[in-house]
Amino acid sequence: MHSKDISVSRIENEKHLLRFLCASREEIAQRQKLFQRLTQYSWLANDNQILFEAIGELLATAPQQILSHLPAALTRRGFPDISCDALAEPSTMNAPAAFALAEELLRASQ
């Protein structure tokens, strides 16, 4: 696989994990545990890093309404132009799949 393809794939996988963190149907404890695991991850896309940090703030204060509060959180952080539209798509992963993907990305970022 070409390195550009790998980068695109990795960025898409980052978005899948961000969607999972925003998914209000998932257990809060599982999302918090995944967030903690990803604090050691080196995000490939800067926007995804910024989204991750804002999601972490909301996961602690409004875990069931992350998507509705995310635009305001991004604006408060100085990033009003970052789109969260891609995160509004429902997550297709369950917790075990999200943790497996996180471990894969953590290995790839080392």
Protein backbone atom coordinates (compact mmCIF):
# COMPACT_ATOMS: atom_id res chain seq x y z
CA MET A 1 0.00 0.00 0.00
CA HIS A 2 1.30 3.46 -0.87
CA SER A 3 2.20 5.68 2.10
CA LYS A 4 -0.38 8.29 1.05
CA ASP A 5 -3.05 5.56 1.07
CA ILE A 6 -1.89 4.50 4.53
CA SER A 7 -2.15 8.10 5.76
CA VAL A 8 -5.66 8.51 4.34
CA SER A 9 -6.69 5.20 5.89
CA ARG A 10 -5.20 6.18 9.26
CA ILE A 11 -7.01 9.54 9.21
CA GLU A 12 -10.29 7.76 8.42
CA ASN A 13 -9.67 5.33 11.29
CA GLU A 14 -9.06 8.29 13.57
CA LYS A 15 -12.49 9.65 12.56
CA HIS A 16 -14.08 6.26 13.32
CA LEU A 17 -12.69 6.44 16.86
CA LEU A 18 -13.83 10.03 17.28
CA ARG A 19 -17.34 9.00 16.17
CA PHE A 20 -17.31 6.22 18.77
CA LEU A 21 -16.30 8.69 21.49
CA CYS A 22 -19.26 10.89 20.52
CA ALA A 23 -21.78 8.02 20.36
CA SER A 24 -24.27 8.59 23.18
CA ARG A 25 -25.62 5.04 22.80
CA GLU A 26 -22.28 3.63 24.00
CA GLU A 27 -21.53 3.26 27.70
CA ILE A 28 -19.89 6.35 29.14
CA ALA A 29 -17.34 4.25 31.05
CA GLN A 30 -16.19 2.53 27.85
CA ARG A 31 -15.85 5.84 26.02
CA GLN A 32 -13.90 7.36 28.93
CA LYS A 33 -11.60 4.33 29.04
CA LEU A 34 -10.96 4.60 25.30
CA PHE A 35 -10.32 8.33 25.62
CA GLN A 36 -7.72 7.66 28.33
CA ARG A 37 -6.04 5.05 26.13
CA LEU A 38 -5.87 7.47 23.20
CA THR A 39 -4.18 10.23 25.23
CA GLN A 40 -0.90 8.49 24.28
CA TYR A 41 -1.74 8.51 20.56
CA SER A 42 -0.02 10.87 18.09
CA TRP A 43 -2.87 12.06 15.86
CA LEU A 44 -1.96 12.22 12.19
CA ALA A 45 -4.53 14.91 11.36
CA ASN A 46 -4.27 18.14 13.37
CA ASP A 47 -8.05 18.67 13.15
CA ASN A 48 -8.59 15.22 14.66
CA GLN A 49 -6.26 16.11 17.56
CA ILE A 50 -8.25 19.29 18.22
CA LEU A 51 -11.54 17.38 17.99
CA PHE A 52 -10.19 14.73 20.38
CA GLU A 53 -9.27 17.34 22.98
CA ALA A 54 -12.67 19.04 22.73
CA ILE A 55 -14.46 15.69 22.92
CA GLY A 56 -12.46 14.84 26.06
CA GLU A 57 -13.65 18.03 27.72
CA LEU A 58 -17.26 17.23 26.81
CA LEU A 59 -16.94 13.58 27.77
CA ALA A 60 -16.27 14.78 31.30
CA THR A 61 -19.08 17.36 31.40
CA ALA A 62 -21.80 16.38 28.89
CA PRO A 63 -21.18 12.80 27.72
CA GLN A 64 -24.68 12.30 26.29
CA GLN A 65 -24.70 15.56 24.30
CA ILE A 66 -21.19 15.73 22.85
CA LEU A 67 -22.29 16.33 19.27
CA SER A 68 -24.63 19.16 20.15
CA HIS A 69 -22.00 20.91 22.31
CA LEU A 70 -18.97 20.24 20.08
CA PRO A 71 -19.26 23.30 17.77
CA ALA A 72 -19.35 25.66 20.77
CA ALA A 73 -16.45 23.82 22.43
CA LEU A 74 -14.38 24.18 19.26
CA THR A 75 -15.20 27.89 19.07
CA ARG A 76 -14.15 28.40 22.70
CA ARG A 77 -10.85 26.70 21.87
CA GLY A 78 -10.32 29.10 18.95
CA PHE A 79 -11.22 26.68 16.14
CA PRO A 80 -14.68 27.70 14.89
CA ASP A 81 -13.87 26.56 11.33
CA ILE A 82 -13.25 22.90 12.17
CA SER A 83 -16.18 20.88 10.91
CA CYS A 84 -17.70 18.17 13.07
CA ASP A 85 -20.14 17.04 10.36
CA ALA A 86 -18.25 13.77 9.79
CA LEU A 87 -18.72 12.89 13.46
CA ALA A 88 -22.49 13.20 13.21
CA GLU A 89 -22.63 9.94 11.25
CA PRO A 90 -23.54 7.12 13.64
CA SER A 91 -20.64 5.01 14.86
CA THR A 92 -20.72 1.48 13.47
CA MET A 93 -18.32 0.12 16.08
CA ASN A 94 -18.93 -1.55 19.39
CA ALA A 95 -16.50 -1.12 22.29
CA PRO A 96 -14.28 -4.18 21.51
CA ALA A 97 -13.89 -3.06 17.88
CA ALA A 98 -13.06 0.49 18.97
CA PHE A 99 -10.41 -0.72 21.42
CA ALA A 100 -8.90 -3.03 18.77
CA LEU A 101 -8.73 -0.15 16.29
CA ALA A 102 -7.18 2.10 18.94
CA GLU A 103 -4.45 -0.46 19.61
CA GLU A 104 -3.79 -0.74 15.87
CA LEU A 105 -3.44 3.04 15.57
CA LEU A 106 -1.25 3.26 18.66
CA ARG A 107 1.13 0.69 17.12
CA ALA A 108 1.12 2.55 13.78
CA SER A 109 1.96 5.89 15.43
CA GLN A 110 5.11 4.62 17.18
